[in-house]
Amino acid sequence: MHAAYAYPKSSFEAQVPVDLSAREERERLSRSALKGFFKLAAAWKLRDDDARELLGGLSSSAFYEWKKNPDRVLEIDRITRISYLLGIYKSLHIIYGDKLADEWVSLANRNAIFGGRTPLAYMVAGGLIAMQTVRKLVDARRGGL
């Protein structure tokens, strides 16, 4: 007969993720997410076409309207995209000085993940999954892995 093993009690509280399917949560987050995205786009010196693609292929007219008036409720996909990008931005600023952190996405990168492209080109081409991959990469670097 095997003795039952009890895991030690964790000091970490389980965090319930934000329920993005709830409109109220998206209403709460959308304005600040868009404002943060447009600040990030300026810091990274993104071309409007690249910024629109990072948002999921937004039309030019919608992009400029959102830039002028960020009071809207975003879909789950767009909030998730912006969340990944802001996480990348934050990690880069922890790892590098401000200048390199803001240039990093546009610099040639030899990491095999990027296949010879810049991180920006990789994310524009690969969408949400590529953003998730870059986020994991920079978070791992930030953690010293």
N, C-alpha and C. Protein backbone atom coordinates (compact mmCIF):
# COMPACT_ATOMS: atom_id res chain seq x y z
N MET A 1 0.84 -1.17 0.00
CA MET A 1 0.00 0.00 0.00
C MET A 1 0.89 1.25 0.00
N HIS A 2 0.56 2.19 -0.85
CA HIS A 2 1.36 3.41 -0.97
C HIS A 2 0.84 4.49 -0.04
N ALA A 3 1.76 5.18 0.58
CA ALA A 3 1.37 6.30 1.44
C ALA A 3 0.96 7.47 0.56
N ALA A 4 -0.08 8.14 0.91
CA ALA A 4 -0.54 9.31 0.15
C ALA A 4 0.43 10.46 0.37
N TYR A 5 0.75 11.15 -0.71
CA TYR A 5 1.66 12.28 -0.61
C TYR A 5 0.83 13.55 -0.60
N ALA A 6 1.09 14.39 0.34
CA ALA A 6 0.39 15.67 0.41
C ALA A 6 1.35 16.76 -0.05
N TYR A 7 0.92 17.54 -1.02
CA TYR A 7 1.74 18.66 -1.47
C TYR A 7 1.82 19.71 -0.37
N PRO A 8 2.97 20.35 -0.24
CA PRO A 8 3.06 21.41 0.77
C PRO A 8 2.11 22.55 0.42
N LYS A 9 1.64 23.22 1.41
CA LYS A 9 0.73 24.34 1.21
C LYS A 9 1.50 25.49 0.56
N SER A 10 0.93 26.04 -0.46
CA SER A 10 1.55 27.14 -1.18
C SER A 10 1.23 28.46 -0.51
N SER A 11 2.19 29.37 -0.58
CA SER A 11 1.94 30.70 -0.05
C SER A 11 1.37 31.62 -1.13
N PHE A 12 1.22 31.09 -2.33
CA PHE A 12 0.69 31.88 -3.44
C PHE A 12 -0.81 31.69 -3.56
N GLU A 13 -1.51 32.78 -3.72
CA GLU A 13 -2.95 32.73 -3.93
C GLU A 13 -3.21 32.54 -5.42
N ALA A 14 -4.16 31.70 -5.73
CA ALA A 14 -4.54 31.52 -7.13
C ALA A 14 -5.20 32.82 -7.60
N GLN A 15 -4.75 33.29 -8.74
CA GLN A 15 -5.34 34.51 -9.29
C GLN A 15 -6.35 34.12 -10.35
N VAL A 16 -7.54 34.63 -10.21
CA VAL A 16 -8.57 34.38 -11.20
C VAL A 16 -8.33 35.36 -12.35
N PRO A 17 -8.16 34.83 -13.57
CA PRO A 17 -7.92 35.75 -14.68
C PRO A 17 -9.15 36.62 -14.95
N VAL A 18 -8.90 37.77 -15.54
CA VAL A 18 -9.98 38.67 -15.91
C VAL A 18 -10.86 37.95 -16.93
N ASP A 19 -12.15 38.04 -16.75
CA ASP A 19 -13.11 37.40 -17.66
C ASP A 19 -13.38 38.35 -18.82
N LEU A 20 -12.61 38.20 -19.88
CA LEU A 20 -12.76 39.09 -21.03
C LEU A 20 -14.04 38.83 -21.81
N SER A 21 -14.73 37.73 -21.51
CA SER A 21 -16.02 37.51 -22.18
C SER A 21 -17.10 38.41 -21.58
N ALA A 22 -16.82 38.98 -20.41
CA ALA A 22 -17.77 39.90 -19.76
C ALA A 22 -17.57 41.30 -20.33
N ARG A 23 -18.62 41.84 -20.92
CA ARG A 23 -18.55 43.16 -21.53
C ARG A 23 -18.08 44.22 -20.53
N GLU A 24 -18.53 44.10 -19.28
CA GLU A 24 -18.15 45.10 -18.26
C GLU A 24 -16.63 45.15 -18.08
N GLU A 25 -15.99 43.99 -18.11
CA GLU A 25 -14.53 43.95 -17.97
C GLU A 25 -13.86 44.59 -19.18
N ARG A 26 -14.37 44.30 -20.36
CA ARG A 26 -13.80 44.91 -21.57
C ARG A 26 -14.03 46.42 -21.57
N GLU A 27 -15.19 46.85 -21.10
CA GLU A 27 -15.46 48.29 -20.98
C GLU A 27 -14.45 48.94 -20.04
N ARG A 28 -14.18 48.26 -18.94
CA ARG A 28 -13.25 48.79 -17.93
C ARG A 28 -11.83 48.91 -18.48
N LEU A 29 -11.42 47.97 -19.31
CA LEU A 29 -10.03 47.88 -19.77
C LEU A 29 -9.74 48.57 -21.10
N SER A 30 -10.73 48.72 -21.95
CA SER A 30 -10.50 49.12 -23.34
C SER A 30 -9.83 50.48 -23.51
N ARG A 31 -10.34 51.50 -22.86
CA ARG A 31 -9.78 52.85 -23.03
C ARG A 31 -8.30 52.89 -22.63
N SER A 32 -7.98 52.35 -21.47
CA SER A 32 -6.58 52.39 -21.03
C SER A 32 -5.71 51.50 -21.92
N ALA A 33 -6.26 50.39 -22.41
CA ALA A 33 -5.50 49.52 -23.31
C ALA A 33 -5.15 50.28 -24.60
N LEU A 34 -6.12 50.96 -25.17
CA LEU A 34 -5.85 51.71 -26.41
C LEU A 34 -4.88 52.86 -26.17
N LYS A 35 -5.06 53.58 -25.09
CA LYS A 35 -4.12 54.67 -24.80
C LYS A 35 -2.71 54.13 -24.63
N GLY A 36 -2.57 53.01 -23.92
CA GLY A 36 -1.26 52.38 -23.76
C GLY A 36 -0.69 51.92 -25.09
N PHE A 37 -1.54 51.34 -25.94
CA PHE A 37 -1.07 50.88 -27.25
C PHE A 37 -0.53 52.05 -28.07
N PHE A 38 -1.25 53.16 -28.12
CA PHE A 38 -0.79 54.28 -28.94
C PHE A 38 0.49 54.92 -28.38
N LYS A 39 0.67 54.89 -27.08
CA LYS A 39 1.94 55.36 -26.49
C LYS A 39 3.08 54.40 -26.87
N LEU A 40 2.80 53.10 -26.82
CA LEU A 40 3.78 52.10 -27.22
C LEU A 40 4.14 52.28 -28.70
N ALA A 41 3.13 52.48 -29.54
CA ALA A 41 3.37 52.65 -30.97
C ALA A 41 4.26 53.86 -31.24
N ALA A 42 4.07 54.92 -30.47
CA ALA A 42 4.92 56.11 -30.62
C ALA A 42 6.33 55.83 -30.13
N ALA A 43 6.46 55.16 -28.99
CA ALA A 43 7.78 54.84 -28.43
C ALA A 43 8.55 53.92 -29.37
N TRP A 44 7.87 52.95 -29.98
CA TRP A 44 8.51 52.02 -30.90
C TRP A 44 8.65 52.60 -32.30
N LYS A 45 8.10 53.81 -32.52
CA LYS A 45 8.13 54.47 -33.84
C LYS A 45 7.54 53.57 -34.92
N LEU A 46 6.39 52.97 -34.59
CA LEU A 46 5.73 52.07 -35.54
C LEU A 46 5.11 52.85 -36.69
N ARG A 47 5.24 52.29 -37.89
CA ARG A 47 4.48 52.84 -39.01
C ARG A 47 3.01 52.52 -38.75
N ASP A 48 2.11 53.37 -39.20
CA ASP A 48 0.69 53.14 -38.96
C ASP A 48 0.24 51.78 -39.51
N ASP A 49 0.77 51.38 -40.67
CA ASP A 49 0.40 50.08 -41.24
C ASP A 49 0.77 48.94 -40.31
N ASP A 50 1.95 49.01 -39.70
CA ASP A 50 2.36 47.97 -38.76
C ASP A 50 1.50 48.00 -37.49
N ALA A 51 1.21 49.19 -37.00
CA ALA A 51 0.37 49.31 -35.80
C ALA A 51 -1.01 48.73 -36.08
N ARG A 52 -1.57 49.02 -37.25
CA ARG A 52 -2.89 48.48 -37.61
C ARG A 52 -2.86 46.95 -37.69
N GLU A 53 -1.78 46.39 -38.22
CA GLU A 53 -1.66 44.93 -38.30
C GLU A 53 -1.52 44.30 -36.91
N LEU A 54 -0.76 44.95 -36.04
CA LEU A 54 -0.62 44.44 -34.68
C LEU A 54 -1.96 44.42 -33.95
N LEU A 55 -2.84 45.32 -34.33
CA LEU A 55 -4.18 45.35 -33.74
C LEU A 55 -5.13 44.34 -34.39
N GLY A 56 -4.63 43.61 -35.36
CA GLY A 56 -5.47 42.59 -35.98
C GLY A 56 -6.02 42.96 -37.34
N GLY A 57 -5.33 43.86 -38.02
CA GLY A 57 -5.75 44.23 -39.37
C GLY A 57 -6.85 45.28 -39.38
N LEU A 58 -6.71 46.27 -38.56
CA LEU A 58 -7.69 47.34 -38.45
C LEU A 58 -7.63 48.23 -39.69
N SER A 59 -8.78 48.69 -40.16
CA SER A 59 -8.81 49.59 -41.32
C SER A 59 -8.18 50.93 -40.95
N SER A 60 -7.73 51.67 -41.95
CA SER A 60 -7.12 52.99 -41.70
C SER A 60 -8.10 53.93 -41.02
N SER A 61 -9.34 53.97 -41.52
CA SER A 61 -10.32 54.90 -40.95
C SER A 61 -10.61 54.57 -39.49
N ALA A 62 -10.77 53.29 -39.17
CA ALA A 62 -11.02 52.89 -37.78
C ALA A 62 -9.80 53.22 -36.91
N PHE A 63 -8.60 52.95 -37.43
CA PHE A 63 -7.37 53.22 -36.68
C PHE A 63 -7.29 54.68 -36.27
N TYR A 64 -7.51 55.58 -37.22
CA TYR A 64 -7.39 57.01 -36.90
C TYR A 64 -8.52 57.47 -35.99
N GLU A 65 -9.70 56.88 -36.14
CA GLU A 65 -10.81 57.20 -35.24
C GLU A 65 -10.48 56.73 -33.82
N TRP A 66 -9.93 55.53 -33.68
CA TRP A 66 -9.58 55.01 -32.36
C TRP A 66 -8.49 55.84 -31.71
N LYS A 67 -7.55 56.30 -32.54
CA LYS A 67 -6.44 57.11 -32.03
C LYS A 67 -6.98 58.44 -31.49
N LYS A 68 -7.92 59.01 -32.22
CA LYS A 68 -8.51 60.29 -31.83
C LYS A 68 -9.47 60.13 -30.64
N ASN A 69 -10.20 59.02 -30.62
CA ASN A 69 -11.21 58.80 -29.59
C ASN A 69 -11.16 57.34 -29.11
N PRO A 70 -10.37 57.07 -28.05
CA PRO A 70 -10.21 55.69 -27.57
C PRO A 70 -11.38 55.16 -26.73
N ASP A 71 -12.47 55.93 -26.66
CA ASP A 71 -13.63 55.49 -25.87
C ASP A 71 -14.47 54.50 -26.67
N ARG A 72 -14.14 53.23 -26.53
CA ARG A 72 -14.88 52.16 -27.21
C ARG A 72 -14.62 50.86 -26.46
N VAL A 73 -15.41 49.86 -26.78
CA VAL A 73 -15.24 48.56 -26.14
C VAL A 73 -14.57 47.63 -27.15
N LEU A 74 -13.39 47.16 -26.78
CA LEU A 74 -12.62 46.29 -27.67
C LEU A 74 -13.08 44.84 -27.54
N GLU A 75 -12.84 44.08 -28.60
CA GLU A 75 -13.11 42.66 -28.59
C GLU A 75 -12.00 41.96 -27.80
N ILE A 76 -12.27 40.72 -27.41
CA ILE A 76 -11.30 39.93 -26.64
C ILE A 76 -9.96 39.85 -27.37
N ASP A 77 -9.99 39.59 -28.67
CA ASP A 77 -8.76 39.44 -29.45
C ASP A 77 -7.89 40.69 -29.36
N ARG A 78 -8.49 41.85 -29.50
CA ARG A 78 -7.70 43.09 -29.50
C ARG A 78 -7.16 43.41 -28.12
N ILE A 79 -7.94 43.17 -27.09
CA ILE A 79 -7.42 43.40 -25.74
C ILE A 79 -6.26 42.44 -25.46
N THR A 80 -6.38 41.22 -25.92
CA THR A 80 -5.32 40.23 -25.71
C THR A 80 -4.06 40.64 -26.46
N ARG A 81 -4.19 41.07 -27.70
CA ARG A 81 -3.04 41.55 -28.49
C ARG A 81 -2.33 42.69 -27.76
N ILE A 82 -3.11 43.67 -27.33
CA ILE A 82 -2.53 44.83 -26.65
C ILE A 82 -1.86 44.41 -25.35
N SER A 83 -2.47 43.47 -24.64
CA SER A 83 -1.88 42.99 -23.40
C SER A 83 -0.51 42.36 -23.65
N TYR A 84 -0.40 41.51 -24.68
CA TYR A 84 0.90 40.93 -25.01
C TYR A 84 1.91 42.01 -25.34
N LEU A 85 1.51 42.97 -26.17
CA LEU A 85 2.45 44.01 -26.60
C LEU A 85 2.91 44.87 -25.43
N LEU A 86 1.99 45.23 -24.54
CA LEU A 86 2.38 46.03 -23.38
C LEU A 86 3.28 45.24 -22.44
N GLY A 87 3.05 43.93 -22.34
CA GLY A 87 3.93 43.08 -21.54
C GLY A 87 5.33 43.01 -22.13
N ILE A 88 5.40 42.93 -23.45
CA ILE A 88 6.70 42.94 -24.15
C ILE A 88 7.41 44.26 -23.88
N TYR A 89 6.68 45.36 -24.04
CA TYR A 89 7.22 46.69 -23.80
C TYR A 89 7.80 46.79 -22.37
N LYS A 90 7.01 46.35 -21.40
CA LYS A 90 7.45 46.44 -20.00
C LYS A 90 8.70 45.59 -19.76
N SER A 91 8.69 44.36 -20.24
CA SER A 91 9.86 43.49 -20.04
C SER A 91 11.11 44.07 -20.69
N LEU A 92 10.97 44.59 -21.89
CA LEU A 92 12.12 45.19 -22.58
C LEU A 92 12.70 46.35 -21.78
N HIS A 93 11.82 47.14 -21.16
CA HIS A 93 12.30 48.28 -20.37
C HIS A 93 12.93 47.84 -19.06
N ILE A 94 12.61 46.65 -18.59
CA ILE A 94 13.28 46.11 -17.41
C ILE A 94 14.65 45.56 -17.80
N ILE A 95 14.73 44.91 -18.96
CA ILE A 95 15.97 44.26 -19.42
C ILE A 95 17.00 45.28 -19.90
N TYR A 96 16.54 46.23 -20.72
CA TYR A 96 17.44 47.16 -21.40
C TYR A 96 17.16 48.60 -20.96
N GLY A 97 18.06 49.49 -21.32
CA GLY A 97 17.80 50.91 -21.13
C GLY A 97 16.69 51.35 -22.08
N ASP A 98 16.12 52.51 -21.84
CA ASP A 98 14.97 52.96 -22.62
C ASP A 98 15.22 52.99 -24.12
N LYS A 99 16.37 53.48 -24.54
CA LYS A 99 16.65 53.60 -25.98
C LYS A 99 16.65 52.22 -26.66
N LEU A 100 17.41 51.28 -26.13
CA LEU A 100 17.46 49.95 -26.73
C LEU A 100 16.11 49.24 -26.59
N ALA A 101 15.44 49.42 -25.46
CA ALA A 101 14.13 48.78 -25.25
C ALA A 101 13.15 49.19 -26.34
N ASP A 102 13.16 50.48 -26.69
CA ASP A 102 12.22 50.97 -27.71
C ASP A 102 12.67 50.64 -29.14
N GLU A 103 13.95 50.41 -29.35
CA GLU A 103 14.44 50.05 -30.68
C GLU A 103 14.41 48.55 -30.94
N TRP A 104 14.39 47.74 -29.88
CA TRP A 104 14.56 46.29 -29.97
C TRP A 104 13.66 45.63 -30.99
N VAL A 105 12.38 46.00 -31.03
CA VAL A 105 11.45 45.32 -31.95
C VAL A 105 11.80 45.56 -33.41
N SER A 106 12.53 46.62 -33.70
CA SER A 106 12.86 46.96 -35.10
C SER A 106 14.29 46.58 -35.49
N LEU A 107 15.03 46.00 -34.58
CA LEU A 107 16.42 45.62 -34.86
C LEU A 107 16.51 44.19 -35.36
N ALA A 108 17.46 43.95 -36.26
CA ALA A 108 17.71 42.58 -36.72
C ALA A 108 18.02 41.72 -35.49
N ASN A 109 17.50 40.51 -35.49
CA ASN A 109 17.67 39.63 -34.34
C ASN A 109 18.06 38.25 -34.82
N ARG A 110 19.16 37.71 -34.26
CA ARG A 110 19.67 36.41 -34.70
C ARG A 110 19.00 35.23 -34.01
N ASN A 111 18.11 35.48 -33.07
CA ASN A 111 17.42 34.38 -32.41
C ASN A 111 16.66 33.55 -33.45
N ALA A 112 16.79 32.23 -33.37
CA ALA A 112 16.17 31.33 -34.35
C ALA A 112 14.66 31.52 -34.45
N ILE A 113 14.04 31.96 -33.38
CA ILE A 113 12.59 32.18 -33.39
C ILE A 113 12.18 33.12 -34.52
N PHE A 114 12.98 34.13 -34.78
CA PHE A 114 12.61 35.18 -35.72
C PHE A 114 12.92 34.84 -37.18
N GLY A 115 13.66 33.79 -37.42
CA GLY A 115 13.94 33.39 -38.80
C GLY A 115 14.57 34.49 -39.63
N GLY A 116 15.46 35.26 -39.03
CA GLY A 116 16.15 36.33 -39.75
C GLY A 116 15.37 37.63 -39.83
N ARG A 117 14.16 37.67 -39.30
CA ARG A 117 13.35 38.90 -39.32
C ARG A 117 13.53 39.69 -38.03
N THR A 118 13.03 40.90 -38.05
CA THR A 118 12.97 41.67 -36.81
C THR A 118 11.82 41.12 -35.97
N PRO A 119 11.86 41.33 -34.66
CA PRO A 119 10.73 40.91 -33.85
C PRO A 119 9.40 41.53 -34.32
N LEU A 120 9.45 42.78 -34.77
CA LEU A 120 8.25 43.43 -35.27
C LEU A 120 7.70 42.70 -36.50
N ALA A 121 8.56 42.41 -37.47
CA ALA A 121 8.11 41.70 -38.67
C ALA A 121 7.54 40.33 -38.32
N TYR A 122 8.18 39.66 -37.37
CA TYR A 122 7.71 38.36 -36.90
C TYR A 122 6.31 38.47 -36.30
N MET A 123 6.08 39.49 -35.48
CA MET A 123 4.77 39.65 -34.84
C MET A 123 3.70 40.09 -35.83
N VAL A 124 4.06 40.97 -36.76
CA VAL A 124 3.10 41.40 -37.77
C VAL A 124 2.66 40.22 -38.62
N ALA A 125 3.62 39.38 -39.01
CA ALA A 125 3.30 38.22 -39.85
C ALA A 125 2.58 37.12 -39.07
N GLY A 126 2.97 36.91 -37.82
CA GLY A 126 2.47 35.78 -37.04
C GLY A 126 1.29 36.07 -36.14
N GLY A 127 0.92 37.34 -36.00
CA GLY A 127 -0.24 37.69 -35.21
C GLY A 127 -0.14 37.34 -33.74
N LEU A 128 -1.28 36.98 -33.19
CA LEU A 128 -1.41 36.74 -31.76
C LEU A 128 -0.45 35.69 -31.22
N ILE A 129 -0.28 34.59 -31.95
CA ILE A 129 0.61 33.52 -31.49
C ILE A 129 2.06 34.00 -31.46
N ALA A 130 2.46 34.78 -32.45
CA ALA A 130 3.82 35.32 -32.47
C ALA A 130 4.03 36.30 -31.32
N MET A 131 3.01 37.11 -31.02
CA MET A 131 3.11 38.04 -29.90
C MET A 131 3.28 37.26 -28.59
N GLN A 132 2.54 36.18 -28.45
CA GLN A 132 2.65 35.34 -27.26
C GLN A 132 4.07 34.76 -27.15
N THR A 133 4.63 34.33 -28.27
CA THR A 133 5.98 33.76 -28.28
C THR A 133 7.02 34.81 -27.88
N VAL A 134 6.90 36.01 -28.43
CA VAL A 134 7.85 37.09 -28.10
C VAL A 134 7.69 37.46 -26.62
N ARG A 135 6.47 37.49 -26.15
CA ARG A 135 6.24 37.81 -24.73
C ARG A 135 6.93 36.78 -23.84
N LYS A 136 6.78 35.51 -24.16
CA LYS A 136 7.43 34.46 -23.38
C LYS A 136 8.95 34.60 -23.45
N LEU A 137 9.48 34.92 -24.62
CA LEU A 137 10.92 35.08 -24.79
C LEU A 137 11.47 36.21 -23.91
N VAL A 138 10.85 37.38 -23.99
CA VAL A 138 11.39 38.51 -23.22
C VAL A 138 11.14 38.33 -21.72
N ASP A 139 10.02 37.70 -21.37
CA ASP A 139 9.79 37.42 -19.94
C ASP A 139 10.83 36.44 -19.41
N ALA A 140 11.20 35.45 -20.22
CA ALA A 140 12.22 34.49 -19.80
C ALA A 140 13.57 35.19 -19.65
N ARG A 141 13.90 36.07 -20.56
CA ARG A 141 15.16 36.83 -20.46
C ARG A 141 15.15 37.72 -19.23
N ARG A 142 14.02 38.32 -18.96
CA ARG A 142 13.89 39.20 -17.79
C ARG A 142 14.09 38.40 -16.52
N GLY A 143 13.61 37.16 -16.52
CA GLY A 143 13.74 36.31 -15.34
C GLY A 143 15.10 35.65 -15.23
N GLY A 144 15.99 35.91 -16.19
CA GLY A 144 17.33 35.36 -16.13
C GLY A 144 17.44 33.94 -16.66
N LEU A 145 16.44 33.51 -17.42
CA LEU A 145 16.47 32.15 -17.97
C LEU A 145 17.24 32.09 -19.26
